[in-house]
Structures are given as structure tokens and as C-alpha cells.
C-alpha atoms as a PDB file:
ATOM      1  CA  MET A   1       0.000   0.000   0.000  1.00  0.00           C
ATOM      2  CA  TRP A   2       2.826   2.357   0.939  1.00  0.00           C
ATOM      3  CA  VAL A   3       4.653   1.407  -2.247  1.00  0.00           C
ATOM      4  CA  MET A   4       1.543   2.190  -4.318  1.00  0.00           C
ATOM      5  CA  THR A   5       1.251   5.584  -2.631  1.00  0.00           C
ATOM      6  CA  LEU A   6       4.857   6.374  -3.443  1.00  0.00           C
ATOM      7  CA  LYS A   7       4.350   5.333  -7.047  1.00  0.00           C
ATOM      8  CA  THR A   8       1.201   7.435  -7.309  1.00  0.00           C
ATOM      9  CA  SER A   9       2.966  10.453  -5.821  1.00  0.00           C
ATOM     10  CA  ALA A  10       5.860  10.033  -8.209  1.00  0.00           C
ATOM     11  CA  LEU A  11       3.494   9.912 -11.171  1.00  0.00           C
ATOM     12  CA  LEU A  12       1.691  13.026  -9.970  1.00  0.00           C
ATOM     13  CA  ILE A  13       4.969  14.909  -9.555  1.00  0.00           C
ATOM     14  CA  LEU A  14       6.097  13.786 -13.001  1.00  0.00           C
ATOM     15  CA  ALA A  15       2.805  14.902 -14.565  1.00  0.00           C
ATOM     16  CA  LEU A  16       3.046  18.245 -12.775  1.00  0.00           C
ATOM     17  CA  GLY A  17       6.566  18.658 -14.086  1.00  0.00           C
ATOM     18  CA  PHE A  18       5.441  18.034 -17.657  1.00  0.00           C
ATOM     19  CA  SER A  19       2.585  20.504 -17.187  1.00  0.00           C
ATOM     20  CA  LEU A  20       4.933  23.190 -15.925  1.00  0.00           C
ATOM     21  CA  LEU A  21       7.344  22.473 -18.740  1.00  0.00           C
ATOM     22  CA  ALA A  22       4.558  22.796 -21.319  1.00  0.00           C
ATOM     23  CA  SER A  23       3.339  26.057 -19.831  1.00  0.00           C
ATOM     24  CA  CYS A  24       6.856  27.442 -19.838  1.00  0.00           C
ATOM     25  CA  SER A  25       7.344  26.434 -23.463  1.00  0.00           C
ATOM     26  CA  ALA A  26       4.163  28.331 -24.463  1.00  0.00           C
ATOM     27  CA  LYS A  27       5.775  31.682 -23.889  1.00  0.00           C
ATOM     28  CA  VAL A  28       3.828  34.870 -24.297  1.00  0.00           C
ATOM     29  CA  ASN A  29       5.097  36.722 -27.341  1.00  0.00           C
ATOM     30  CA  ASN A  30       6.832  40.068 -26.961  1.00  0.00           C
ATOM     31  CA  LEU A  31       4.050  42.581 -27.605  1.00  0.00           C
ATOM     32  CA  THR A  32       6.475  45.498 -27.773  1.00  0.00           C
ATOM     33  CA  THR A  33       7.609  44.420 -31.252  1.00  0.00           C
ATOM     34  CA  ASP A  34       5.722  44.004 -34.498  1.00  0.00           C
ATOM     35  CA  ASP A  35       6.962  40.405 -34.894  1.00  0.00           C
ATOM     36  CA  GLY A  36       5.877  39.485 -31.393  1.00  0.00           C
ATOM     37  CA  THR A  37       2.510  41.161 -31.792  1.00  0.00           C
ATOM     38  CA  PHE A  38       1.891  39.424 -35.122  1.00  0.00           C
ATOM     39  CA  ASN A  39       2.905  36.028 -33.729  1.00  0.00           C
ATOM     40  CA  GLU A  40       0.625  36.551 -30.755  1.00  0.00           C
ATOM     41  CA  GLY A  41      -2.215  37.215 -33.187  1.00  0.00           C
ATOM     42  CA  LEU A  42      -1.393  33.994 -35.042  1.00  0.00           C
ATOM     43  CA  ARG A  43      -1.317  32.052 -31.776  1.00  0.00           C
ATOM     44  CA  LEU A  44      -4.696  33.391 -30.728  1.00  0.00           C
ATOM     45  CA  MET A  45      -6.187  32.690 -34.149  1.00  0.00           C
ATOM     46  CA  GLU A  46      -4.916  29.120 -34.143  1.00  0.00           C
ATOM     47  CA  ASP A  47      -6.570  28.641 -30.746  1.00  0.00           C
ATOM     48  CA  GLY A  48      -9.877  29.964 -32.085  1.00  0.00           C
ATOM     49  CA  PHE A  49      -9.791  33.376 -30.395  1.00  0.00           C
ATOM     50  CA  ASP A  50     -10.411  35.379 -33.553  1.00  0.00           C
ATOM     51  CA  GLU A  51     -11.612  38.580 -31.898  1.00  0.00           C
ATOM     52  CA  GLU A  52      -8.565  38.724 -29.621  1.00  0.00           C
ATOM     53  CA  ALA A  53      -6.295  37.862 -32.544  1.00  0.00           C
ATOM     54  CA  ARG A  54      -7.828  40.695 -34.547  1.00  0.00           C
ATOM     55  CA  LYS A  55      -6.931  43.168 -31.819  1.00  0.00           C
ATOM     56  CA  GLN A  56      -3.280  42.150 -32.053  1.00  0.00           C
ATOM     57  CA  PHE A  57      -3.238  42.406 -35.850  1.00  0.00           C
ATOM     58  CA  ALA A  58      -4.909  45.827 -35.661  1.00  0.00           C
ATOM     59  CA  ARG A  59      -2.198  47.014 -33.240  1.00  0.00           C
ATOM     60  CA  ILE A  60       0.412  46.572 -35.949  1.00  0.00           C
ATOM     61  CA  LYS A  61      -1.172  49.358 -37.977  1.00  0.00           C
ATOM     62  CA  THR A  62      -1.609  51.735 -35.045  1.00  0.00           C
ATOM     63  CA  GLU A  63       1.543  51.012 -33.032  1.00  0.00           C
ATOM     64  CA  PHE A  64       3.995  49.907 -35.718  1.00  0.00           C
ATOM     65  CA  PRO A  65       3.140  52.127 -38.726  1.00  0.00           C
ATOM     66  CA  ASN A  66       6.400  51.314 -40.520  1.00  0.00           C
ATOM     67  CA  SER A  67       6.148  47.547 -40.081  1.00  0.00           C
ATOM     68  CA  SER A  68       6.591  45.320 -43.114  1.00  0.00           C
ATOM     69  CA  LEU A  69       3.901  43.116 -41.597  1.00  0.00           C
ATOM     70  CA  GLN A  70       1.067  45.603 -42.096  1.00  0.00           C
ATOM     71  CA  ALA A  71      -0.301  44.050 -45.286  1.00  0.00           C
ATOM     72  CA  THR A  72      -0.206  40.524 -43.903  1.00  0.00           C
ATOM     73  CA  ALA A  73      -1.811  41.702 -40.669  1.00  0.00           C
ATOM     74  CA  ASP A  74      -4.631  43.341 -42.611  1.00  0.00           C
ATOM     75  CA  LEU A  75      -5.182  40.092 -44.494  1.00  0.00           C
ATOM     76  CA  LYS A  76      -5.318  38.201 -41.196  1.00  0.00           C
ATOM     77  CA  VAL A  77      -7.960  40.640 -39.933  1.00  0.00           C
ATOM     78  CA  ALA A  78     -10.105  39.703 -42.936  1.00  0.00           C
ATOM     79  CA  GLU A  79      -9.472  36.020 -42.249  1.00  0.00           C
ATOM     80  CA  SER A  80     -10.542  36.435 -38.642  1.00  0.00           C
ATOM     81  CA  TYR A  81     -13.919  37.810 -39.745  1.00  0.00           C
ATOM     82  CA  TYR A  82     -14.277  34.954 -42.239  1.00  0.00           C
ATOM     83  CA  ASN A  83     -13.544  32.420 -39.494  1.00  0.00           C
ATOM     84  CA  GLU A  84     -16.307  33.988 -37.401  1.00  0.00           C
ATOM     85  CA  GLU A  85     -18.703  33.723 -40.373  1.00  0.00           C
ATOM     86  CA  SER A  86     -19.068  37.514 -40.407  1.00  0.00           C
ATOM     87  CA  TYR A  87     -19.092  37.241 -44.176  1.00  0.00           C
ATOM     88  CA  GLN A  88     -20.126  40.758 -45.146  1.00  0.00           C
ATOM     89  CA  THR A  89     -17.428  42.316 -42.964  1.00  0.00           C
ATOM     90  CA  ALA A  90     -14.925  39.754 -44.241  1.00  0.00           C
ATOM     91  CA  ALA A  91     -15.764  40.563 -47.870  1.00  0.00           C
ATOM     92  CA  GLU A  92     -15.262  44.271 -47.245  1.00  0.00           C
ATOM     93  CA  ALA A  93     -11.960  43.637 -45.437  1.00  0.00           C
ATOM     94  CA  TYR A  94     -10.645  41.452 -48.272  1.00  0.00           C
ATOM     95  CA  GLN A  95     -11.618  44.067 -50.849  1.00  0.00           C
ATOM     96  CA  ASP A  96      -9.976  46.781 -48.753  1.00  0.00           C
ATOM     97  CA  PHE A  97      -6.806  44.696 -48.875  1.00  0.00           C
ATOM     98  CA  VAL A  98      -7.005  44.612 -52.685  1.00  0.00           C
ATOM     99  CA  ARG A  99      -7.481  48.389 -52.833  1.00  0.00           C
ATOM    100  CA  PHE A 100      -4.698  49.200 -50.361  1.00  0.00           C
ATOM    101  CA  TYR A 101      -2.160  46.679 -51.706  1.00  0.00           C
ATOM    102  CA  PRO A 102      -2.967  46.234 -55.438  1.00  0.00           C
ATOM    103  CA  SER A 103       0.462  44.824 -56.276  1.00  0.00           C
ATOM    104  CA  HIS A 104       0.700  42.422 -53.332  1.00  0.00           C
ATOM    105  CA  GLU A 105       1.223  38.753 -54.193  1.00  0.00           C
ATOM    106  CA  LYS A 106      -1.807  37.798 -52.080  1.00  0.00           C
ATOM    107  CA  VAL A 107      -4.299  39.871 -54.104  1.00  0.00           C
ATOM    108  CA  PRO A 108      -5.620  36.820 -56.029  1.00  0.00           C
ATOM    109  CA  TYR A 109      -6.170  35.020 -52.728  1.00  0.00           C
ATOM    110  CA  ALA A 110      -7.914  38.077 -51.246  1.00  0.00           C
ATOM    111  CA  LEU A 111     -10.212  38.326 -54.267  1.00  0.00           C
ATOM    112  CA  TYR A 112     -11.032  34.628 -54.058  1.00  0.00           C
ATOM    113  CA  GLN A 113     -11.821  34.908 -50.359  1.00  0.00           C
ATOM    114  CA  ALA A 114     -13.949  38.004 -50.963  1.00  0.00           C
ATOM    115  CA  GLY A 115     -15.874  36.028 -53.581  1.00  0.00           C
ATOM    116  CA  LEU A 116     -16.364  33.154 -51.134  1.00  0.00           C
ATOM    117  CA  SER A 117     -17.579  35.633 -48.526  1.00  0.00           C
ATOM    118  CA  TYR A 118     -20.257  36.892 -50.915  1.00  0.00           C
ATOM    119  CA  SER A 119     -21.114  33.343 -52.020  1.00  0.00           C
ATOM    120  CA  ALA A 120     -21.743  32.432 -48.387  1.00  0.00           C
ATOM    121  CA  GLN A 121     -24.398  35.170 -48.293  1.00  0.00           C
ATOM    122  CA  MET A 122     -26.240  34.000 -51.411  1.00  0.00           C
ATOM    123  CA  PRO A 123     -29.869  33.199 -50.569  1.00  0.00           C
ATOM    124  CA  SER A 124     -30.994  29.584 -50.794  1.00  0.00           C
ATOM    125  CA  ASN A 125     -34.174  30.798 -52.485  1.00  0.00           C
ATOM    126  CA  PRO A 126     -33.359  32.623 -55.756  1.00  0.00           C
ATOM    127  CA  GLN A 127     -36.476  34.757 -55.356  1.00  0.00           C
ATOM    128  CA  ARG A 128     -34.928  36.607 -52.429  1.00  0.00           C
ATOM    129  CA  ASP A 129     -32.486  39.544 -52.503  1.00  0.00           C
ATOM    130  CA  ASN A 130     -29.604  38.539 -54.781  1.00  0.00           C
ATOM    131  CA  ARG A 131     -27.245  41.461 -54.276  1.00  0.00           C
ATOM    132  CA  ALA A 132     -24.671  39.155 -52.678  1.00  0.00           C
ATOM    133  CA  THR A 133     -24.986  36.842 -55.694  1.00  0.00           C
ATOM    134  CA  LYS A 134     -24.202  39.695 -58.075  1.00  0.00           C
ATOM    135  CA  LYS A 135     -21.274  40.765 -55.889  1.00  0.00           C
ATOM    136  CA  ALA A 136     -19.886  37.231 -55.969  1.00  0.00           C
ATOM    137  CA  ILE A 137     -20.053  37.216 -59.775  1.00  0.00           C
ATOM    138  CA  ASP A 138     -18.317  40.612 -59.958  1.00  0.00           C
ATOM    139  CA  VAL A 139     -15.467  39.652 -57.620  1.00  0.00           C
ATOM    140  CA  PHE A 140     -14.827  36.207 -59.102  1.00  0.00           C
ATOM    141  CA  THR A 141     -14.930  37.712 -62.607  1.00  0.00           C
ATOM    142  CA  GLN A 142     -12.377  40.324 -61.555  1.00  0.00           C
ATOM    143  CA  LEU A 143     -10.117  37.516 -60.343  1.00  0.00           C
ATOM    144  CA  ILE A 144     -10.512  35.576 -63.608  1.00  0.00           C
ATOM    145  CA  ILE A 145      -9.797  38.620 -65.797  1.00  0.00           C
ATOM    146  CA  ASP A 146      -6.994  40.209 -63.778  1.00  0.00           C
ATOM    147  CA  PHE A 147      -5.223  36.981 -62.811  1.00  0.00           C
ATOM    148  CA  PRO A 148      -5.878  34.393 -65.548  1.00  0.00           C
ATOM    149  CA  GLU A 149      -2.924  32.263 -64.391  1.00  0.00           C
ATOM    150  CA  SER A 150      -4.018  32.220 -60.757  1.00  0.00           C
ATOM    151  CA  GLU A 151      -4.364  28.913 -58.929  1.00  0.00           C
ATOM    152  CA  TYR A 152      -7.851  30.100 -57.909  1.00  0.00           C
ATOM    153  CA  ARG A 153      -9.117  30.622 -61.467  1.00  0.00           C
ATOM    154  CA  GLN A 154     -10.810  27.263 -62.008  1.00  0.00           C
ATOM    155  CA  GLU A 155     -12.676  27.411 -58.720  1.00  0.00           C
ATOM    156  CA  ALA A 156     -13.633  31.023 -59.417  1.00  0.00           C
ATOM    157  CA  GLU A 157     -15.105  30.008 -62.783  1.00  0.00           C
ATOM    158  CA  LYS A 158     -17.199  27.315 -61.073  1.00  0.00           C
ATOM    159  CA  LYS A 159     -18.438  29.835 -58.529  1.00  0.00           C
ATOM    160  CA  VAL A 160     -19.408  32.277 -61.291  1.00  0.00           C
ATOM    161  CA  ILE A 161     -21.500  29.578 -62.974  1.00  0.00           C
ATOM    162  CA  GLU A 162     -23.221  28.717 -59.678  1.00  0.00           C
ATOM    163  CA  ALA A 163     -24.033  32.362 -59.013  1.00  0.00           C
ATOM    164  CA  GLN A 164     -25.188  32.982 -62.578  1.00  0.00           C
ATOM    165  CA  ASP A 165     -27.521  29.989 -62.330  1.00  0.00           C
ATOM    166  CA  GLN A 166     -29.255  31.683 -59.443  1.00  0.00           C
ATOM    167  CA  ILE A 167     -29.583  35.016 -61.272  1.00  0.00           C
ATOM    168  CA  VAL A 168     -30.870  33.300 -64.414  1.00  0.00           C
ATOM    169  CA  GLN A 169     -33.373  31.243 -62.450  1.00  0.00           C
ATOM    170  CA  LYS A 170     -34.744  34.311 -60.707  1.00  0.00           C
ATOM    171  CA  ASN A 171     -35.148  36.319 -63.909  1.00  0.00           C
ATOM    172  CA  PHE A 172     -36.667  33.381 -65.773  1.00  0.00           C
ATOM    173  CA  GLU A 173     -39.216  32.847 -62.992  1.00  0.00           C
ATOM    174  CA  ILE A 174     -40.110  36.542 -62.983  1.00  0.00           C
ATOM    175  CA  ALA A 175     -40.585  36.446 -66.762  1.00  0.00           C
ATOM    176  CA  SER A 176     -42.743  33.329 -66.412  1.00  0.00           C
ATOM    177  CA  PHE A 177     -44.868  35.105 -63.815  1.00  0.00           C
ATOM    178  CA  TYR A 178     -45.499  37.997 -66.238  1.00  0.00           C
ATOM    179  CA  GLU A 179     -46.370  35.478 -68.938  1.00  0.00           C
ATOM    180  CA  ARG A 180     -48.918  33.772 -66.676  1.00  0.00           C
ATOM    181  CA  GLN A 181     -50.356  37.178 -65.752  1.00  0.00           C
ATOM    182  CA  ASN A 182     -50.871  37.929 -69.462  1.00  0.00           C
ATOM    183  CA  LYS A 183     -48.365  40.780 -69.468  1.00  0.00           C
ATOM    184  CA  PRO A 184     -46.557  39.933 -72.718  1.00  0.00           C
ATOM    185  CA  LEU A 185     -44.438  43.078 -73.012  1.00  0.00           C
ATOM    186  CA  ALA A 186     -42.991  42.674 -69.518  1.00  0.00           C
ATOM    187  CA  ALA A 187     -42.503  38.942 -70.134  1.00  0.00           C
ATOM    188  CA  TYR A 188     -40.772  39.609 -73.451  1.00  0.00           C
ATOM    189  CA  LYS A 189     -38.305  42.046 -71.852  1.00  0.00           C
ATOM    190  CA  ARG A 190     -37.437  39.673 -69.008  1.00  0.00           C
ATOM    191  CA  PHE A 191     -37.069  36.591 -71.185  1.00  0.00           C
ATOM    192  CA  TYR A 192     -34.932  38.449 -73.705  1.00  0.00           C
ATOM    193  CA  GLN A 193     -32.782  39.848 -70.902  1.00  0.00           C
ATOM    194  CA  VAL A 194     -32.037  36.304 -69.744  1.00  0.00           C
ATOM    195  CA  TYR A 195     -30.949  35.341 -73.264  1.00  0.00           C
ATOM    196  CA  GLU A 196     -29.000  38.554 -73.865  1.00  0.00           C
ATOM    197  CA  LEU A 197     -27.068  38.463 -70.598  1.00  0.00           C
ATOM    198  CA  TYR A 198     -26.431  34.706 -70.528  1.00  0.00           C
ATOM    199  CA  PRO A 199     -26.537  33.471 -74.155  1.00  0.00           C
ATOM    200  CA  ARG A 200     -24.526  30.335 -73.359  1.00  0.00           C
ATOM    201  CA  HIS A 201     -26.660  29.244 -70.442  1.00  0.00           C
ATOM    202  CA  ALA A 202     -28.722  26.075 -70.861  1.00  0.00           C
ATOM    203  CA  ILE A 203     -31.960  28.006 -70.463  1.00  0.00           C
ATOM    204  CA  ALA A 204     -31.056  30.716 -72.991  1.00  0.00           C
ATOM    205  CA  GLU A 205     -32.698  28.905 -75.914  1.00  0.00           C
ATOM    206  CA  GLU A 206     -36.075  28.656 -74.190  1.00  0.00           C
ATOM    207  CA  ALA A 207     -35.801  32.215 -72.884  1.00  0.00           C
ATOM    208  CA  PHE A 208     -35.172  33.530 -76.414  1.00  0.00           C
ATOM    209  CA  ALA A 209     -38.095  31.535 -77.815  1.00  0.00           C
ATOM    210  CA  ARG A 210     -40.441  32.760 -75.098  1.00  0.00           C
ATOM    211  CA  SER A 211     -39.329  36.342 -75.663  1.00  0.00           C
ATOM    212  CA  ILE A 212     -40.394  36.030 -79.320  1.00  0.00           C
ATOM    213  CA  TYR A 213     -43.638  34.291 -78.329  1.00  0.00           C
ATOM    214  CA  ASN A 214     -44.552  37.143 -75.991  1.00  0.00           C
ATOM    215  CA  LEU A 215     -43.395  39.905 -78.321  1.00  0.00           C
ATOM    216  CA  ARG A 216     -45.771  38.574 -80.971  1.00  0.00           C
ATOM    217  CA  LYS A 217     -48.652  39.299 -78.565  1.00  0.00           C
ATOM    218  CA  THR A 218     -47.776  42.976 -78.206  1.00  0.00           C
ATOM    219  CA  ASN A 219     -48.334  45.968 -80.450  1.00  0.00           C
ATOM    220  CA  GLN A 220     -44.552  46.529 -80.530  1.00  0.00           C
ATOM    221  CA  ALA A 221     -43.654  43.700 -82.868  1.00  0.00           C
ATOM    222  CA  GLU A 222     -41.577  45.729 -85.340  1.00  0.00           C
ATOM    223  CA  ASN A 223     -38.442  43.759 -84.371  1.00  0.00           C
ATOM    224  CA  LEU A 224     -40.159  40.395 -84.527  1.00  0.00           C
ATOM    225  CA  ASP A 225     -38.771  39.255 -87.896  1.00  0.00           C
ATOM    226  CA  ARG A 226     -35.239  40.227 -86.933  1.00  0.00           C
ATOM    227  CA  LEU A 227     -35.465  38.265 -83.678  1.00  0.00           C
ATOM    228  CA  ILE A 228     -36.907  35.221 -85.440  1.00  0.00           C
ATOM    229  CA  GLN A 229     -34.055  35.228 -87.948  1.00  0.00           C
ATOM    230  CA  SER A 230     -31.528  35.571 -85.151  1.00  0.00           C
ATOM    231  CA  PHE A 231     -33.140  32.711 -83.245  1.00  0.00           C
ATOM    232  CA  GLU A 232     -33.040  30.427 -86.308  1.00  0.00           C
ATOM    233  CA  VAL A 233     -29.351  31.166 -86.783  1.00  0.00           C
ATOM    234  CA  GLN A 234     -28.535  30.569 -83.121  1.00  0.00           C
ATOM    235  CA  PHE A 235     -30.738  27.505 -82.667  1.00  0.00           C
ATOM    236  CA  PRO A 236     -31.405  25.907 -86.090  1.00  0.00           C
ATOM    237  CA  ASN A 237     -32.667  22.625 -84.610  1.00  0.00           C
ATOM    238  CA  SER A 238     -34.499  24.059 -81.645  1.00  0.00           C
ATOM    239  CA  LYS A 239     -37.199  22.041 -79.933  1.00  0.00           C
ATOM    240  CA  PHE A 240     -38.911  25.383 -79.214  1.00  0.00           C
ATOM    241  CA  ARG A 241     -39.333  26.235 -82.901  1.00  0.00           C
ATOM    242  CA  LYS A 242     -43.123  25.883 -82.789  1.00  0.00           C
ATOM    243  CA  MET A 243     -43.229  28.509 -80.064  1.00  0.00           C
ATOM    244  CA  ILE A 244     -41.902  31.219 -82.391  1.00  0.00           C
ATOM    245  CA  GLU A 245     -44.234  30.395 -85.287  1.00  0.00           C
ATOM    246  CA  PRO A 246     -47.454  32.409 -85.852  1.00  0.00           C
END
């Protein structure tokens, strides 16, 4: 019994020693330097304390105005908001980074993250406010155009297609509503807008055909023949051909 107690005490002392050693090894960074402050921010972020990490990154701008770490710290601030799922604030912070540091090597990454931040705000129902969807398209398109060799290009192109699908679906449904309400002029404009803005989309053919179908019902059919000819050139074997006939 006495031997067991000694063994237990020894194990407790050994465990305490390891605990003290671990706590000593996790030194607090020197917050009087920009390096120390930045590393403290990284430590806090890795531990999930994004708000506290953000305070350290923000200190670099206010307390170390000449630090070479300012740009990276600003990017980490944006990342901290993204981690917290504060997507609108994150998107704005990423875009601020692009504006403030246009030649920085991390600009493609910042644009991609800004696009993801807007994508995260896209409504699940396309009938709802789609401003975030349009923003996502704009930012991802900027990335694709400005940085065609970027490692983020392929994913950005996929995200653009996803966002465009939502915009197209909303506009097509609005046009269909006008058609059902017997408002042919409004339906024509909406359907044609879908075709004109997204001519390569899978639904463009039907949208174009329905625009012609509705235009025929209006008293503004002076462009009808031109549109029919254009449709026949674009879609010579269309399954919607009967829709455009008188």
C-alpha cells in the first residue's frame, strides 16, 4: 500500500513537471515588437480566439506604422472575420486589402476569399435579394480577368457559374410570372434579358423563344422578324421552334 502511494505520488509529480514544462514552453510573445505582436495574433487565431487575434493584428497598424507586416496583418484581420462567419465584414476587409495593396502577391487570394464571402451570403431561395450573388459574380470575374494564371481561377469560374444559375433562375421565374399574368411586353423584356445576358446558359434557348412568343402578342412587334431570324441562326434545330411560329 505504501509502495503504491509512493508510485502514485511520483506519477503526480512527473505529470506536474510536464505541465509546468509545457506552460513554460508556451511563452507569451513580446508585444512590444511588431513580430511578437503578429505572432501573438497567429497564436490566438490558431486557438480559435479570432476577436482577440484581430486586436493584435490591428495594433500593428496603429503602433507599428512602418512595419513590413502591415499588409499581412490586414489580411489576417479579414481572415478572422471569415472564421467567425461575419461574411459581409470579411468581404469588405478582403476588398480593402485589394485596394490598399494592389500589387501584393496575395491579391488573387484576397479576391477569391472576398468572392467566397459573398457566395456564403447567397440566398438559398433565388427569389430573395440577390445582391450578394451579383457581388460574388463581380469579384470572381475580376479575379478571372486580372489573374488568368491564378491557382484560384478554375474554382472562381465554377463559382461564377453557380451564381449565374441563381440570377438566371430568378429572372426566368419573374418572366414566367409575367407570362402567366398575361403581361406579354414585360414577359418579353425579361425573357430576352435572360438570353442577352447569358446566351450560353442552358436556359437561354427557351428564354429567347419565349421572348419572341410574348413579343408577338404585343403591339410593338416591329423587331419580330429580326429576332426570329436571329433565333433560327442561333438555334437551327431548336425544340422550341413551334413557339416562335405564328
